[in-house]
Amino acid sequence: MSNCAPTDTKKKPFKARSVLKDVATREYTIHVGKYVHKKTFKKRAPRGVKAIVEFAQRYMGTKDVRIDPKLNQEVWSKGIKNPPRRIRVKLERKRNDDENAKEKLYTYASYVSVPSFKGLGTVVADAE
């Protein structure tokens, strides 16, 4: 006999979180450095942008993520080889007003300028 505890063979059904808590605004610090670590120099900034999109999809629960031009400019500010190690991002989940849109909601990611990343956590703001 093994010392392992008996496993429960019945799996509980996965209950997806409802994204339709609708409009929400949050500020996150994204550690871009860990996503571009050991990537080819010429792929680091593009990979940083993709990492921000994937982060927004995961934490905001929407497939449609739109990047603000200033956020894109900030990721590319030090060139293709050296994206910033950390970046503060404001993610806003908004309703999609297009009649023929596949998704009901989309996420808009914009840049937030901060002097230091020390002590910053996730900030939940009420959507206007």
Protein backbone atom coordinates (compact mmCIF):
# COMPACT_ATOMS: atom_id res chain seq x y z
CA MET A 1 0.00 0.00 0.00
CA SER A 2 1.15 3.48 -0.71
CA ASN A 3 0.98 6.39 1.65
CA CYS A 4 -0.84 8.55 -0.87
CA ALA A 5 -4.21 9.96 0.05
CA PRO A 6 -7.12 8.68 -2.02
CA THR A 7 -7.86 10.94 -4.94
CA ASP A 8 -11.28 12.23 -5.72
CA THR A 9 -12.19 10.91 -9.15
CA LYS A 10 -15.08 13.31 -9.62
CA LYS A 11 -13.95 16.64 -10.97
CA LYS A 12 -15.91 19.72 -10.11
CA PRO A 13 -17.18 21.53 -13.17
CA PHE A 14 -15.12 24.58 -14.05
CA LYS A 15 -17.18 27.69 -13.55
CA ALA A 16 -15.88 30.47 -15.74
CA ARG A 17 -15.81 33.90 -14.19
CA SER A 18 -18.40 36.14 -15.71
CA VAL A 19 -16.64 38.83 -17.67
CA LEU A 20 -19.89 40.71 -17.75
CA LYS A 21 -19.18 42.35 -14.47
CA ASP A 22 -18.85 44.79 -17.28
CA VAL A 23 -16.85 47.94 -17.18
CA ALA A 24 -13.81 47.95 -14.93
CA THR A 25 -10.57 49.91 -14.69
CA ARG A 26 -7.40 48.64 -13.05
CA GLU A 27 -3.75 49.67 -12.92
CA TYR A 28 -1.09 46.97 -13.06
CA THR A 29 2.69 46.90 -13.10
CA ILE A 30 3.81 44.46 -15.79
CA HIS A 31 7.28 42.95 -15.45
CA VAL A 32 8.17 42.99 -19.15
CA GLY A 33 11.71 41.82 -18.41
CA LYS A 34 10.64 38.30 -17.57
CA TYR A 35 8.75 37.95 -20.85
CA VAL A 36 11.67 39.10 -23.02
CA HIS A 37 14.39 37.26 -21.08
CA LYS A 38 16.60 35.21 -23.42
CA LYS A 39 14.80 36.45 -26.52
CA THR A 40 16.69 37.47 -29.64
CA PHE A 41 17.59 41.17 -29.62
CA LYS A 42 15.55 41.96 -32.70
CA LYS A 43 12.42 40.40 -31.16
CA ARG A 44 12.48 41.92 -27.66
CA ALA A 45 10.28 45.02 -28.11
CA PRO A 46 7.69 43.19 -30.26
CA ARG A 47 7.61 40.42 -27.66
CA GLY A 48 7.11 43.04 -24.94
CA VAL A 49 4.01 44.37 -26.72
CA LYS A 50 2.67 40.82 -27.15
CA ALA A 51 3.29 40.15 -23.46
CA ILE A 52 1.20 43.19 -22.51
CA VAL A 53 -1.63 41.97 -24.75
CA GLU A 54 -1.50 38.46 -23.24
CA PHE A 55 -1.42 39.92 -19.72
CA ALA A 56 -4.49 42.06 -20.47
CA GLN A 57 -6.35 39.08 -21.95
CA ARG A 58 -5.65 36.98 -18.88
CA TYR A 59 -6.46 39.54 -16.20
CA MET A 60 -9.34 41.36 -17.86
CA GLY A 61 -10.96 38.32 -19.49
CA THR A 62 -11.38 39.72 -23.00
CA LYS A 63 -9.92 38.51 -26.27
CA ASP A 64 -10.00 41.97 -27.87
CA VAL A 65 -7.16 44.11 -26.48
CA ARG A 66 -6.30 47.52 -27.91
CA ILE A 67 -2.98 49.19 -27.18
CA ASP A 68 -2.75 52.97 -26.79
CA PRO A 69 -0.15 54.52 -29.12
CA LYS A 70 1.64 56.13 -26.14
CA LEU A 71 2.00 52.72 -24.48
CA ASN A 72 3.44 51.27 -27.69
CA GLN A 73 5.78 54.26 -27.96
CA GLU A 74 6.95 53.74 -24.37
CA VAL A 75 7.71 50.05 -24.96
CA TRP A 76 9.74 51.00 -28.03
CA SER A 77 11.33 54.10 -26.40
CA LYS A 78 14.75 52.50 -25.86
CA GLY A 79 14.78 50.68 -29.18
CA ILE A 80 14.06 47.15 -30.29
CA LYS A 81 16.75 45.60 -28.08
CA ASN A 82 15.97 47.19 -24.71
CA PRO A 83 12.29 47.47 -23.79
CA PRO A 84 11.71 48.81 -20.26
CA ARG A 85 11.96 46.15 -17.56
CA ARG A 86 8.73 47.22 -15.91
CA ILE A 87 5.83 49.27 -17.16
CA ARG A 88 2.75 50.62 -15.41
CA VAL A 89 -0.41 50.01 -17.42
CA LYS A 90 -4.01 51.09 -16.98
CA LEU A 91 -6.40 48.45 -18.29
CA GLU A 92 -9.96 49.55 -18.99
CA ARG A 93 -12.62 47.02 -19.89
CA LYS A 94 -15.20 48.77 -22.06
CA ARG A 95 -18.36 47.84 -23.89
CA ASN A 96 -18.04 47.32 -27.61
CA ASP A 97 -20.59 49.57 -29.33
CA ASP A 98 -20.14 48.08 -32.80
CA GLU A 99 -23.28 46.26 -33.91
CA ASN A 100 -21.44 43.46 -35.70
CA ALA A 101 -18.69 42.95 -33.09
CA LYS A 102 -17.85 39.39 -32.07
CA GLU A 103 -17.00 40.33 -28.49
CA LYS A 104 -19.27 42.31 -26.16
CA LEU A 105 -16.32 43.87 -24.37
CA TYR A 106 -12.80 44.99 -25.18
CA THR A 107 -9.81 46.08 -23.11
CA TYR A 108 -8.00 49.36 -23.71
CA ALA A 109 -4.44 49.42 -22.39
CA SER A 110 -2.81 52.80 -21.76
CA TYR A 111 0.49 53.94 -20.24
CA VAL A 112 0.75 55.39 -16.72
CA SER A 113 3.87 57.36 -15.88
CA VAL A 114 5.31 56.68 -12.40
CA PRO A 115 8.55 57.91 -10.80
CA SER A 116 9.24 54.56 -9.09
CA PHE A 117 7.71 51.07 -9.03
CA LYS A 118 8.42 50.56 -5.33
CA GLY A 119 5.35 49.68 -3.29
CA LEU A 120 2.93 49.79 -6.19
CA GLY A 121 0.23 47.15 -6.35
CA THR A 122 -2.89 46.63 -8.37
CA VAL A 123 -5.22 49.60 -8.10
CA VAL A 124 -8.91 49.11 -8.86
CA ALA A 125 -10.60 52.28 -10.06
CA ASP A 126 -14.28 52.84 -10.63
CA ALA A 127 -15.12 53.21 -14.27
CA GLU A 128 -16.69 56.48 -15.24
